[in-house]
Amino acid sequence: MNVEGLVVSVSRPFQDRYSGEELVELGVICPILRATMNIRIPASQGKGLSLGAHTLSQVQPYPLVNRLHPLDGKKTLSGSGGRIRVGELDFIKLSLNDLKDWGCPLRSKII
């Protein structure tokens, strides 16, 4: 499944204790799933990643634990720079007063 999402956070790189790989964790708002999810990807893919709309390719959602899992271990992020309409985020309970805490780069990606 391909998922269009709004990346709102990127962690610092860390060593995965099971695979030994260096990973980063992304916080992603997924309008099509009507949920916020986390996904771990190789640090090489997350390096220099900008916040905003991205397509996550070949992922399996696990909604009960709010996780996305890459299916084939290949590159997960494809494309960027899209826009997500505020109307698609109606499932998020957020005050407009909180938008200042999201940061200017993210606000410019939401129309």
Protein backbone atom coordinates (compact mmCIF):
# COMPACT_ATOMS: atom_id res chain seq x y z
CA MET A 1 0.00 0.00 0.00
CA ASN A 2 1.21 3.52 -0.77
CA VAL A 3 0.31 6.16 1.81
CA GLU A 4 0.40 9.92 1.37
CA GLY A 5 1.30 11.50 4.68
CA LEU A 6 2.41 14.65 6.39
CA VAL A 7 5.75 14.11 8.11
CA VAL A 8 5.66 16.16 11.32
CA SER A 9 8.75 14.84 13.12
CA VAL A 10 12.05 13.10 12.42
CA SER A 11 14.03 11.56 15.27
CA ARG A 12 17.78 11.58 15.69
CA PRO A 13 19.49 8.49 14.24
CA PHE A 14 19.68 5.50 16.61
CA GLN A 15 20.97 1.91 16.49
CA ASP A 16 18.21 -0.68 16.23
CA ARG A 17 18.88 -3.30 18.87
CA TYR A 18 17.54 -6.15 16.73
CA SER A 19 19.01 -5.47 13.28
CA GLY A 20 21.96 -3.31 14.32
CA GLU A 21 20.95 -0.86 11.58
CA GLU A 22 21.01 2.89 12.07
CA LEU A 23 17.41 4.13 11.85
CA VAL A 24 15.29 7.25 12.27
CA GLU A 25 11.65 7.33 13.30
CA LEU A 26 9.15 9.53 11.50
CA GLY A 27 5.91 10.86 12.93
CA VAL A 28 3.40 10.91 10.06
CA ILE A 29 -0.18 12.16 9.84
CA CYS A 30 -1.99 9.85 7.38
CA PRO A 31 -5.29 11.36 6.18
CA ILE A 32 -6.33 8.23 4.25
CA LEU A 33 -5.92 6.14 7.42
CA ARG A 34 -7.35 8.92 9.61
CA ALA A 35 -4.52 8.41 12.09
CA THR A 36 -1.11 9.56 13.13
CA MET A 37 1.48 6.82 12.66
CA ASN A 38 5.18 6.19 13.26
CA ILE A 39 7.55 4.46 10.88
CA ARG A 40 11.21 3.54 11.24
CA ILE A 41 13.34 3.93 8.13
CA PRO A 42 17.09 3.73 7.46
CA ALA A 43 18.91 6.86 8.61
CA SER A 44 20.25 7.30 5.06
CA GLN A 45 16.66 7.90 3.84
CA GLY A 46 15.84 10.26 6.68
CA LYS A 47 18.98 12.36 6.36
CA GLY A 48 18.03 15.90 5.37
CA LEU A 49 14.34 14.99 5.17
CA SER A 50 12.12 18.05 5.25
CA LEU A 51 8.86 18.17 7.17
CA GLY A 52 5.79 18.18 4.96
CA ALA A 53 3.91 15.92 2.56
CA HIS A 54 5.62 12.72 1.39
CA THR A 55 4.56 9.44 -0.18
CA LEU A 56 5.44 6.28 1.76
CA SER A 57 5.65 3.38 -0.70
CA GLN A 58 5.07 -0.28 0.02
CA VAL A 59 4.09 0.02 3.68
CA GLN A 60 1.75 -2.05 5.83
CA PRO A 61 -0.29 -0.09 8.40
CA TYR A 62 -0.79 -1.54 11.89
CA PRO A 63 -3.52 0.79 13.20
CA LEU A 64 -3.87 -0.63 16.72
CA VAL A 65 -0.27 0.32 17.51
CA ASN A 66 -0.12 3.34 15.15
CA ARG A 67 2.79 1.95 13.15
CA LEU A 68 3.66 1.68 9.48
CA HIS A 69 5.99 -1.15 8.51
CA PRO A 70 8.02 -1.23 5.27
CA LEU A 71 7.06 -4.35 3.28
CA ASP A 72 10.12 -5.15 1.25
CA GLY A 73 12.97 -3.30 2.95
CA LYS A 74 13.50 -1.13 -0.13
CA LYS A 75 13.34 2.63 -0.25
CA THR A 76 10.15 3.71 1.48
CA LEU A 77 10.04 7.45 0.82
CA SER A 78 9.21 8.50 -2.69
CA GLY A 79 8.28 11.98 -3.69
CA SER A 80 7.85 15.06 -1.59
CA GLY A 81 6.61 18.59 -1.71
CA GLY A 82 2.92 17.76 -2.09
CA ARG A 83 0.21 19.51 -0.15
CA ILE A 84 -2.44 18.24 2.19
CA ARG A 85 -5.68 20.17 2.64
CA VAL A 86 -6.80 21.12 6.14
CA GLY A 87 -10.14 19.45 5.37
CA GLU A 88 -8.32 16.09 5.15
CA LEU A 89 -7.14 16.53 8.75
CA ASP A 90 -10.59 16.83 10.32
CA PHE A 91 -9.93 13.75 12.47
CA ILE A 92 -7.18 15.58 14.40
CA LYS A 93 -8.37 17.48 17.41
CA LEU A 94 -6.11 20.52 17.42
CA SER A 95 -6.66 24.10 18.42
CA LEU A 96 -5.62 26.77 15.94
CA ASN A 97 -3.67 28.27 18.84
CA ASP A 98 -1.43 25.17 18.69
CA LEU A 99 -0.36 25.81 15.08
CA LYS A 100 2.37 28.16 16.28
CA ASP A 101 3.99 25.14 17.99
CA TRP A 102 4.05 23.15 14.73
CA GLY A 103 6.57 25.49 13.17
CA CYS A 104 6.47 27.71 10.14
CA PRO A 105 7.78 25.18 7.55
CA LEU A 106 4.94 22.79 8.35
CA ARG A 107 2.22 25.44 8.28
CA SER A 108 3.25 26.40 4.77
CA LYS A 109 2.60 22.82 3.62
CA ILE A 110 -1.01 22.85 4.84
CA ILE A 111 -3.55 24.81 2.79
